[in-house]
Protein backbone atom coordinates (compact mmCIF):
# COMPACT_ATOMS: atom_id res chain seq x y z
CA MET A 1 7.68 8.54 -0.13
CA ARG A 2 7.47 4.88 -1.00
CA ASN A 3 5.99 3.93 -4.32
CA ARG A 4 3.54 1.04 -4.29
CA VAL A 5 1.06 -0.98 -6.29
CA PHE A 6 -1.30 -3.64 -4.94
CA GLY A 7 -4.77 -3.08 -6.33
CA CYS A 8 -5.24 0.32 -4.77
CA LEU A 9 -1.71 0.35 -3.31
CA VAL A 10 1.43 1.23 -5.22
CA LEU A 11 4.57 -0.62 -4.16
CA GLY A 12 8.13 0.31 -5.06
CA THR A 13 11.63 -0.47 -3.89
CA GLY A 14 12.94 2.58 -2.10
CA VAL A 15 12.18 2.58 1.63
CA LEU A 16 14.42 4.88 3.60
CA LEU A 17 15.12 3.83 7.18
CA LEU A 18 16.49 5.92 9.97
CA ALA A 19 18.77 3.92 12.25
CA GLY A 20 17.24 3.29 15.60
CA SER A 21 13.70 4.29 14.60
CA PRO A 22 11.25 1.54 15.68
CA LEU A 23 8.36 3.29 13.93
CA LEU A 24 10.07 3.21 10.54
CA ALA A 25 11.35 -0.29 11.23
CA ASP A 26 7.78 -1.51 11.74
CA THR A 27 6.67 0.23 8.53
CA ALA A 28 9.50 -1.31 6.52
CA ALA A 29 8.98 -4.74 8.10
CA GLY A 30 5.32 -4.55 7.10
CA MET A 31 6.28 -3.76 3.53
CA ALA A 32 8.73 -6.68 3.43
CA ALA A 33 6.07 -9.00 4.82
CA PHE A 34 3.51 -7.80 2.30
CA ARG A 35 5.88 -8.42 -0.60
CA ALA A 36 6.46 -11.93 0.75
CA GLY A 37 2.71 -12.55 0.87
CA ASP A 38 2.67 -12.71 4.67
CA TYR A 39 -0.32 -10.42 5.12
CA GLN A 40 -0.91 -11.22 8.77
CA ARG A 41 2.63 -10.15 9.63
CA ALA A 42 2.20 -7.05 7.45
CA PHE A 43 -0.99 -6.28 9.37
CA THR A 44 0.80 -6.69 12.71
CA GLN A 45 3.74 -4.52 11.73
CA TRP A 46 1.66 -1.79 10.11
CA SER A 47 -0.76 -1.79 13.05
CA GLU A 48 2.09 -1.05 15.43
CA ALA A 49 3.42 1.76 13.26
CA ALA A 50 -0.08 3.13 12.56
CA ASN A 51 -0.93 3.25 16.24
CA ARG A 52 2.27 5.22 16.81
CA GLY A 53 1.07 7.79 14.29
CA ASP A 54 2.83 6.89 11.03
CA ALA A 55 0.59 8.12 8.19
CA GLU A 56 2.07 5.76 5.59
CA ALA A 57 1.34 2.76 7.80
CA GLN A 58 -2.14 4.10 8.51
CA TYR A 59 -2.87 4.21 4.79
CA ASP A 60 -1.39 0.72 4.32
CA LEU A 61 -3.52 -0.60 7.16
CA GLY A 62 -6.61 0.90 5.55
CA VAL A 63 -5.84 -0.98 2.35
CA LEU A 64 -5.47 -4.27 4.21
CA TYR A 65 -8.88 -3.75 5.83
CA ALA A 66 -10.45 -2.79 2.50
CA LYS A 67 -9.00 -5.79 0.71
CA GLY A 68 -9.40 -8.25 3.58
CA LEU A 69 -5.70 -9.19 3.55
CA GLY A 70 -4.38 -10.47 6.86
CA VAL A 71 -7.58 -9.34 8.55
CA SER A 72 -11.32 -9.63 7.95
CA ARG A 73 -12.54 -7.11 5.40
CA ASP A 74 -14.01 -4.14 7.23
CA MET A 75 -14.75 -0.98 5.25
CA SER A 76 -15.54 1.02 8.37
CA GLU A 77 -12.03 0.37 9.65
CA ALA A 78 -10.57 0.96 6.20
CA MET A 79 -12.26 4.35 5.99
CA ARG A 80 -11.17 5.24 9.52
CA TRP A 81 -7.51 4.60 8.70
CA TYR A 82 -7.73 6.30 5.31
CA ARG A 83 -9.17 9.40 6.96
CA THR A 84 -6.61 9.36 9.77
CA ALA A 85 -3.79 9.26 7.23
CA ALA A 86 -5.46 11.79 4.93
CA GLU A 87 -5.90 14.30 7.73
CA LYS A 88 -2.15 14.10 8.30
CA GLY A 89 -1.56 15.05 4.69
CA ASN A 90 -0.96 11.60 3.20
CA MET A 91 -1.57 12.12 -0.52
CA GLN A 92 -2.45 8.49 -1.27
CA ALA A 93 -5.09 8.39 1.45
CA GLN A 94 -6.53 11.71 0.29
CA PHE A 95 -6.83 10.38 -3.23
CA ARG A 96 -8.37 7.12 -2.00
CA LEU A 97 -11.04 9.00 -0.02
CA GLY A 98 -11.80 11.09 -3.08
CA GLN A 99 -12.29 7.91 -5.12
CA VAL A 100 -14.47 6.30 -2.47
CA TYR A 101 -16.81 9.28 -2.28
CA ALA A 102 -16.81 9.99 -6.02
CA LYS A 103 -17.73 6.44 -6.96
CA GLY A 104 -19.98 5.62 -4.03
CA TRP A 105 -20.18 2.17 -2.54
CA GLY A 106 -23.43 0.57 -1.57
CA VAL A 107 -24.97 -1.29 -4.53
CA PRO A 108 -25.69 -5.03 -4.15
CA ARG A 109 -22.46 -6.83 -3.42
CA ASP A 110 -20.62 -8.68 -6.17
CA GLU A 111 -17.61 -10.49 -4.73
CA ALA A 112 -15.87 -10.79 -8.09
CA ASP A 113 -16.21 -7.09 -8.83
CA ALA A 114 -15.32 -6.22 -5.26
CA MET A 115 -11.88 -7.78 -5.70
CA ARG A 116 -11.26 -6.08 -9.05
CA TRP A 117 -9.77 -2.79 -7.85
CA MET A 118 -7.94 -0.32 -10.03
CA GLU A 119 -5.06 -1.69 -12.08
CA PRO A 120 -2.06 0.25 -13.38
CA SER A 121 -2.60 1.15 -17.03
CA ASP A 122 0.96 2.09 -17.95
CA GLY A 123 3.27 0.05 -15.73
CA SER A 124 3.97 3.15 -13.67
CA THR A 125 5.32 2.71 -10.15
CA ASP A 126 4.76 6.24 -8.89
CA TYR A 127 1.06 6.07 -8.05
CA GLN A 128 0.30 8.23 -11.07
CA GLY A 129 -0.67 5.46 -13.48
CA MET A 130 -3.85 4.16 -11.87
CA SER A 131 -6.98 3.84 -14.01
CA GLY A 132 -10.02 1.66 -14.60
CA TRP A 133 -12.06 1.88 -11.40
CA VAL A 134 -14.46 -0.95 -10.69
CA GLN A 135 -16.88 -0.18 -7.90
CA LEU A 136 -16.18 -2.00 -4.65
CA ALA A 137 -19.78 -2.85 -3.90
CA GLY A 138 -21.88 -3.67 -0.89
CA TYR A 139 -20.24 -1.79 1.96
CA GLY A 140 -22.62 1.13 2.39
CA VAL A 141 -20.28 4.08 1.75
CA PRO A 142 -22.54 6.63 0.06
CA GLN A 143 -21.61 8.70 -2.96
CA ASP A 144 -20.73 12.22 -1.88
CA TYR A 145 -19.31 14.57 -4.51
CA LEU A 146 -18.69 17.37 -2.02
CA ALA A 147 -16.45 15.08 0.02
CA ALA A 148 -14.88 13.70 -3.16
CA ALA A 149 -14.00 17.18 -4.39
CA TYR A 150 -12.53 18.11 -1.02
CA TRP A 151 -10.23 15.10 -0.81
CA TYR A 152 -9.29 15.18 -4.48
CA LYS A 153 -8.27 18.80 -4.04
CA GLN A 154 -6.10 18.00 -1.03
CA ALA A 155 -4.20 15.39 -3.06
CA ALA A 156 -4.20 17.48 -6.24
CA GLU A 157 -2.58 20.42 -4.48
CA GLN A 158 0.22 18.08 -3.37
CA GLY A 159 0.83 17.11 -6.99
CA ASN A 160 -1.05 13.82 -7.35
CA ALA A 161 -1.66 13.68 -11.10
CA GLN A 162 -4.63 11.35 -11.03
CA ALA A 163 -6.34 13.40 -8.34
CA GLN A 164 -5.76 16.47 -10.50
CA LEU A 165 -7.50 14.82 -13.45
CA GLU A 166 -10.39 13.55 -11.32
CA LEU A 167 -10.81 17.05 -9.88
CA ALA A 168 -10.83 18.42 -13.43
CA TYR A 169 -13.69 16.05 -14.28
CA LEU A 170 -15.67 17.25 -11.27
CA TYR A 171 -15.19 20.89 -12.27
CA PHE A 172 -16.16 20.16 -15.86
CA ARG A 173 -19.32 18.33 -14.79
CA GLY A 174 -20.18 20.59 -11.87
CA LYS A 175 -20.26 17.75 -9.35
CA GLY A 176 -19.32 18.69 -5.79
CA VAL A 177 -18.11 22.07 -7.07
CA ALA A 178 -19.56 24.81 -9.23
CA ARG A 179 -19.11 24.03 -12.93
CA ASP A 180 -15.97 25.84 -14.01
CA GLU A 181 -14.38 25.01 -17.38
CA ALA A 182 -11.35 27.20 -16.63
CA ALA A 183 -10.65 25.31 -13.40
CA ALA A 184 -11.21 22.02 -15.21
CA ALA A 185 -8.66 23.00 -17.86
CA LYS A 186 -6.19 24.16 -15.20
CA TRP A 187 -6.25 20.87 -13.31
CA CYS A 188 -6.24 18.77 -16.47
CA ARG A 189 -3.17 20.66 -17.70
CA ALA A 190 -1.50 20.24 -14.29
CA SER A 191 -2.08 16.49 -14.47
CA ALA A 192 -0.85 16.27 -18.06
CA SER A 193 2.25 18.28 -17.16
CA HIS A 194 3.12 15.61 -14.61
CA GLY A 195 3.35 13.12 -17.48
CA TYR A 196 0.03 11.39 -16.75
CA GLY A 197 -1.09 9.80 -20.02
CA PRO A 198 -4.89 9.88 -19.47
CA ALA A 199 -4.73 13.62 -18.74
CA GLN A 200 -2.56 14.22 -21.79
CA MET A 201 -5.12 12.40 -23.91
CA ARG A 202 -8.01 14.36 -22.38
CA LEU A 203 -6.19 17.65 -22.95
CA GLY A 204 -5.52 16.68 -26.55
CA GLN A 205 -9.17 15.78 -27.02
CA ALA A 206 -10.26 19.14 -25.60
CA TYR A 207 -8.00 21.04 -28.00
CA ALA A 208 -9.12 18.88 -30.92
CA THR A 209 -12.84 19.33 -30.33
CA GLY A 210 -12.95 22.74 -28.66
CA ASN A 211 -14.76 21.13 -25.73
CA GLY A 212 -13.70 23.23 -22.73
CA LEU A 213 -10.72 24.81 -24.50
CA PRO A 214 -10.27 26.86 -27.70
CA ARG A 215 -9.87 24.53 -30.66
CA ASP A 216 -6.17 24.20 -31.57
CA PRO A 217 -5.04 21.32 -33.84
CA GLY A 218 -1.37 21.95 -33.03
CA GLN A 219 -1.85 21.70 -29.28
CA ALA A 220 -4.18 18.74 -29.80
CA TYR A 221 -1.54 16.88 -31.80
CA PHE A 222 1.20 17.71 -29.30
CA TRP A 223 -0.71 16.37 -26.28
CA LEU A 224 -2.15 13.36 -28.11
CA THR A 225 1.39 12.47 -29.23
CA LEU A 226 2.61 12.64 -25.63
CA ALA A 227 -0.35 10.52 -24.52
CA ALA A 228 0.57 7.90 -27.12
CA LYS A 229 4.15 7.88 -25.83
CA ASN A 230 2.70 7.13 -22.39
CA GLY A 231 0.67 4.16 -23.57
CA GLU A 232 -2.69 5.83 -24.19
CA THR A 233 -3.75 4.21 -27.45
CA HIS A 234 -7.43 5.19 -27.31
CA GLY A 235 -6.64 8.60 -28.79
CA GLU A 236 -4.81 7.28 -31.86
CA LYS A 237 -7.78 7.65 -34.23
CA LEU A 238 -8.32 11.26 -33.16
CA ARG A 239 -4.58 11.90 -33.39
CA ALA A 240 -4.60 10.69 -37.00
CA GLU A 241 -7.57 12.96 -37.77
CA VAL A 242 -5.79 15.96 -36.27
CA LYS A 243 -2.58 15.10 -38.12
CA ALA A 244 -4.50 15.32 -41.40
CA GLN A 245 -5.26 18.96 -40.59
CA LEU A 246 -1.57 19.85 -40.27
CA THR A 247 1.24 20.15 -42.76
CA PRO A 248 4.09 17.61 -42.73
CA ALA A 249 6.40 20.34 -41.45
CA GLU A 250 4.03 21.14 -38.59
CA THR A 251 3.66 17.50 -37.56
CA ALA A 252 7.43 16.99 -37.68
CA ARG A 253 8.00 20.05 -35.49
CA LEU A 254 5.32 19.00 -32.99
CA GLU A 255 6.65 15.44 -32.80
CA GLN A 256 10.13 16.81 -32.15
CA SER A 257 8.74 19.06 -29.43
CA ALA A 258 6.93 16.10 -27.86
CA ASP A 259 10.14 14.05 -27.94
CA GLY A 260 12.04 16.84 -26.21
CA TRP A 261 9.31 17.31 -23.62
CA GLN A 262 9.27 13.61 -22.84
CA GLN A 263 13.06 13.45 -22.53
CA ARG A 264 13.11 16.40 -20.13
CA ARG A 265 10.32 14.89 -18.09
CA THR A 266 12.16 11.57 -17.88
CA ALA A 267 15.37 13.30 -16.83
CA ILE A 268 13.56 15.22 -14.09
CA ALA A 269 11.90 12.03 -12.82
CA LYS A 270 15.30 10.32 -12.49
CA LYS A 271 16.74 13.07 -10.29
């Protein structure tokens, strides 16, 4: 799968082509055009691939319609292509639909806010590091937590770490699903185990406060330390408070464990 970041799209460098495959050639040509800033050509190439049934291109085309790049902005078309790709199992499109329905679009339009999509918080290029939603306003897509939970779950079950955390929030709050703290903890832990900093911070907070999980300063310090290693600085004050509850030997052991965990995770990611 290609990794990509452009607002709501994550761009990377590894596009695998099969010789003689016009569908993949169109998809790759669209990516090259997008990187060059030639959005109209990207639209043309991705349209051809999308109409042939390529789910990646269908998702990409949805983003172009949503952002108004190379084509007039049209959220109805964006949603149609997102859904088409999502129904084929495209994890990015599933996550995007979950976000659309969870946040709800339809308040008075603000063009400046509309262009301020999610930005990567940690420099990640694997679609896991997206945070900081700003509502894309004025397009009449209603908030629907049932639909949000459905699409988040589709992406979460495929291993999308941010979808896992968003699903955890829905379970914890009882929005779109029955309130279930055990399910919330399960999905938060799954997200954190993928190396997603915001989930690691949330898991550490839960262990520190006993909010949704049994209070455990050791586990809290471990996960807050991992979150800090992944650029989540908002938990540093809490991490210091938890550290004060532990002995120097305990903190040294937990920091060593966090270092080892991070090294193993990095090694796995490079394979």
